[in-house]
Amino acid sequence: MTQIALLAAVLAAGCSPESEPSLPIASGHYVFQHPFAEQPSIPSIRLNVTISGTHIVVVNPRASDPFPAGILAEGELMWHAGSGQWIIGDKSADRSAREVGGCSDGPEVIDLADKVYWTC
């Protein structure tokens, strides 16, 4: 009975929704789109994104409303299990932030599969 309980615990831990999925994008240089969370149909800008392992840097190549030229975000790619989205975090607690993305005070959301960087 003990071995069965142990096996069940090991299997459950491996299938936990809290486990972080693999990054859906390789290290490299990319062009991402930027939409506004509150107005996603308004055209915005293209951004240069560099990913190195789990480190990400999002750069606006030239000033344009409402963003200055330069680094807009930099941090670690983290899976936010509560929302089922990738975020740009800077501390471990960001993984369990109450709110993420949009116009929240939480970490920003980045869609790695569709190459979209969301802001408010």
Protein backbone atom coordinates (compact mmCIF):
# COMPACT_ATOMS: atom_id res chain seq x y z
CA MET A 1 0.00 0.00 0.00
CA THR A 2 2.87 2.42 0.78
CA GLN A 3 4.47 1.88 -2.64
CA ILE A 4 1.17 2.62 -4.39
CA ALA A 5 0.72 5.84 -2.40
CA LEU A 6 4.30 6.88 -3.20
CA LEU A 7 3.81 6.14 -6.91
CA ALA A 8 0.56 8.13 -6.93
CA ALA A 9 2.30 11.09 -5.29
CA VAL A 10 5.17 11.01 -7.80
CA LEU A 11 2.79 10.82 -10.76
CA ALA A 12 0.62 13.63 -9.40
CA ALA A 13 3.66 15.87 -8.86
CA GLY A 14 4.80 15.32 -12.44
CA CYS A 15 1.38 16.19 -13.83
CA SER A 16 0.73 19.19 -11.62
CA PRO A 17 -0.78 22.26 -13.30
CA GLU A 18 1.77 24.26 -11.30
CA SER A 19 4.67 22.77 -13.30
CA GLU A 20 6.21 25.10 -15.83
CA PRO A 21 5.89 24.09 -19.48
CA SER A 22 8.84 24.27 -21.84
CA LEU A 23 9.45 27.60 -23.52
CA PRO A 24 7.66 27.61 -26.89
CA ILE A 25 10.44 29.66 -28.48
CA ALA A 26 14.19 29.17 -28.88
CA SER A 27 16.89 31.62 -27.89
CA GLY A 28 17.39 34.20 -30.61
CA HIS A 29 16.33 37.56 -32.03
CA TYR A 30 12.70 38.17 -32.98
CA VAL A 31 10.25 40.87 -34.02
CA PHE A 32 7.15 41.03 -31.82
CA GLN A 33 3.97 43.03 -32.25
CA HIS A 34 2.63 45.32 -29.56
CA PRO A 35 -1.11 45.66 -28.95
CA PHE A 36 -2.74 47.56 -26.10
CA ALA A 37 -4.66 45.31 -23.71
CA GLU A 38 -7.61 47.71 -23.52
CA GLN A 39 -7.65 48.48 -27.26
CA PRO A 40 -6.13 45.48 -29.08
CA SER A 41 -7.46 46.56 -32.48
CA ILE A 42 -5.55 49.88 -32.46
CA PRO A 43 -2.37 49.50 -34.54
CA SER A 44 0.82 49.81 -32.55
CA ILE A 45 4.52 49.20 -33.06
CA ARG A 46 6.95 46.38 -33.84
CA LEU A 47 9.52 45.56 -31.18
CA ASN A 48 12.87 43.79 -31.23
CA VAL A 49 13.04 40.92 -28.75
CA THR A 50 16.12 38.99 -27.71
CA ILE A 51 15.74 35.74 -25.80
CA SER A 52 18.69 33.96 -24.23
CA GLY A 53 17.52 30.90 -22.32
CA THR A 54 14.88 32.36 -20.01
CA HIS A 55 16.25 35.93 -20.13
CA ILE A 56 14.30 38.34 -22.33
CA VAL A 57 14.89 41.91 -23.49
CA VAL A 58 12.15 43.87 -25.31
CA VAL A 59 13.42 46.91 -27.25
CA ASN A 60 11.63 49.67 -29.14
CA PRO A 61 14.04 50.49 -32.00
CA ARG A 62 12.79 54.08 -32.40
CA ALA A 63 10.69 56.46 -30.35
CA SER A 64 6.99 56.36 -31.12
CA ASP A 65 3.93 57.17 -29.03
CA PRO A 66 3.66 56.18 -26.29
CA PHE A 67 7.06 54.50 -25.99
CA PRO A 68 10.56 55.95 -25.96
CA ALA A 69 13.32 54.28 -27.93
CA GLY A 70 15.25 51.68 -25.98
CA ILE A 71 14.57 48.86 -23.54
CA LEU A 72 10.89 48.58 -22.61
CA ALA A 73 11.18 45.40 -20.55
CA GLU A 74 13.87 43.06 -19.35
CA GLY A 75 13.64 40.09 -17.04
CA GLU A 76 13.05 36.37 -16.77
CA LEU A 77 10.43 34.44 -18.70
CA MET A 78 8.20 32.74 -16.16
CA TRP A 79 5.09 30.62 -16.45
CA HIS A 80 2.17 32.10 -14.52
CA ALA A 81 0.09 29.00 -13.78
CA GLY A 82 -2.83 31.02 -12.40
CA SER A 83 -3.45 32.71 -15.75
CA GLY A 84 -1.86 30.09 -18.01
CA GLN A 85 0.40 32.72 -19.60
CA TRP A 86 4.08 33.58 -19.91
CA ILE A 87 5.16 36.69 -18.03
CA ILE A 88 8.27 38.83 -17.75
CA GLY A 89 9.24 38.65 -14.09
CA ASP A 90 12.10 39.82 -11.97
CA LYS A 91 11.48 37.87 -8.76
CA SER A 92 10.29 34.37 -7.98
CA ALA A 93 7.09 35.69 -6.37
CA ASP A 94 5.97 36.97 -9.81
CA ARG A 95 5.10 33.37 -10.72
CA SER A 96 2.22 33.52 -8.25
CA ALA A 97 1.20 37.17 -8.60
CA ARG A 98 -2.52 37.76 -8.08
CA GLU A 99 -2.86 39.62 -11.37
CA VAL A 100 -0.71 39.79 -14.49
CA GLY A 101 -0.75 41.72 -17.72
CA GLY A 102 -3.25 44.17 -19.06
CA CYS A 103 -3.56 47.17 -16.82
CA SER A 104 -2.81 45.37 -13.57
CA ASP A 105 0.06 46.15 -11.23
CA GLY A 106 1.43 42.66 -11.85
CA PRO A 107 4.09 41.44 -14.29
CA GLU A 108 3.58 41.98 -18.01
CA VAL A 109 2.30 39.18 -20.22
CA ILE A 110 4.16 38.10 -23.34
CA ASP A 111 2.72 35.70 -25.90
CA LEU A 112 5.75 33.74 -27.05
CA ALA A 113 3.88 31.55 -29.54
CA ASP A 114 2.27 34.44 -31.46
CA LYS A 115 5.12 36.91 -30.73
CA VAL A 116 3.01 39.55 -28.99
CA TYR A 117 4.07 41.87 -26.14
CA TRP A 118 1.00 43.18 -24.29
CA THR A 119 0.84 46.42 -22.31
CA CYS A 120 -1.89 48.70 -21.01
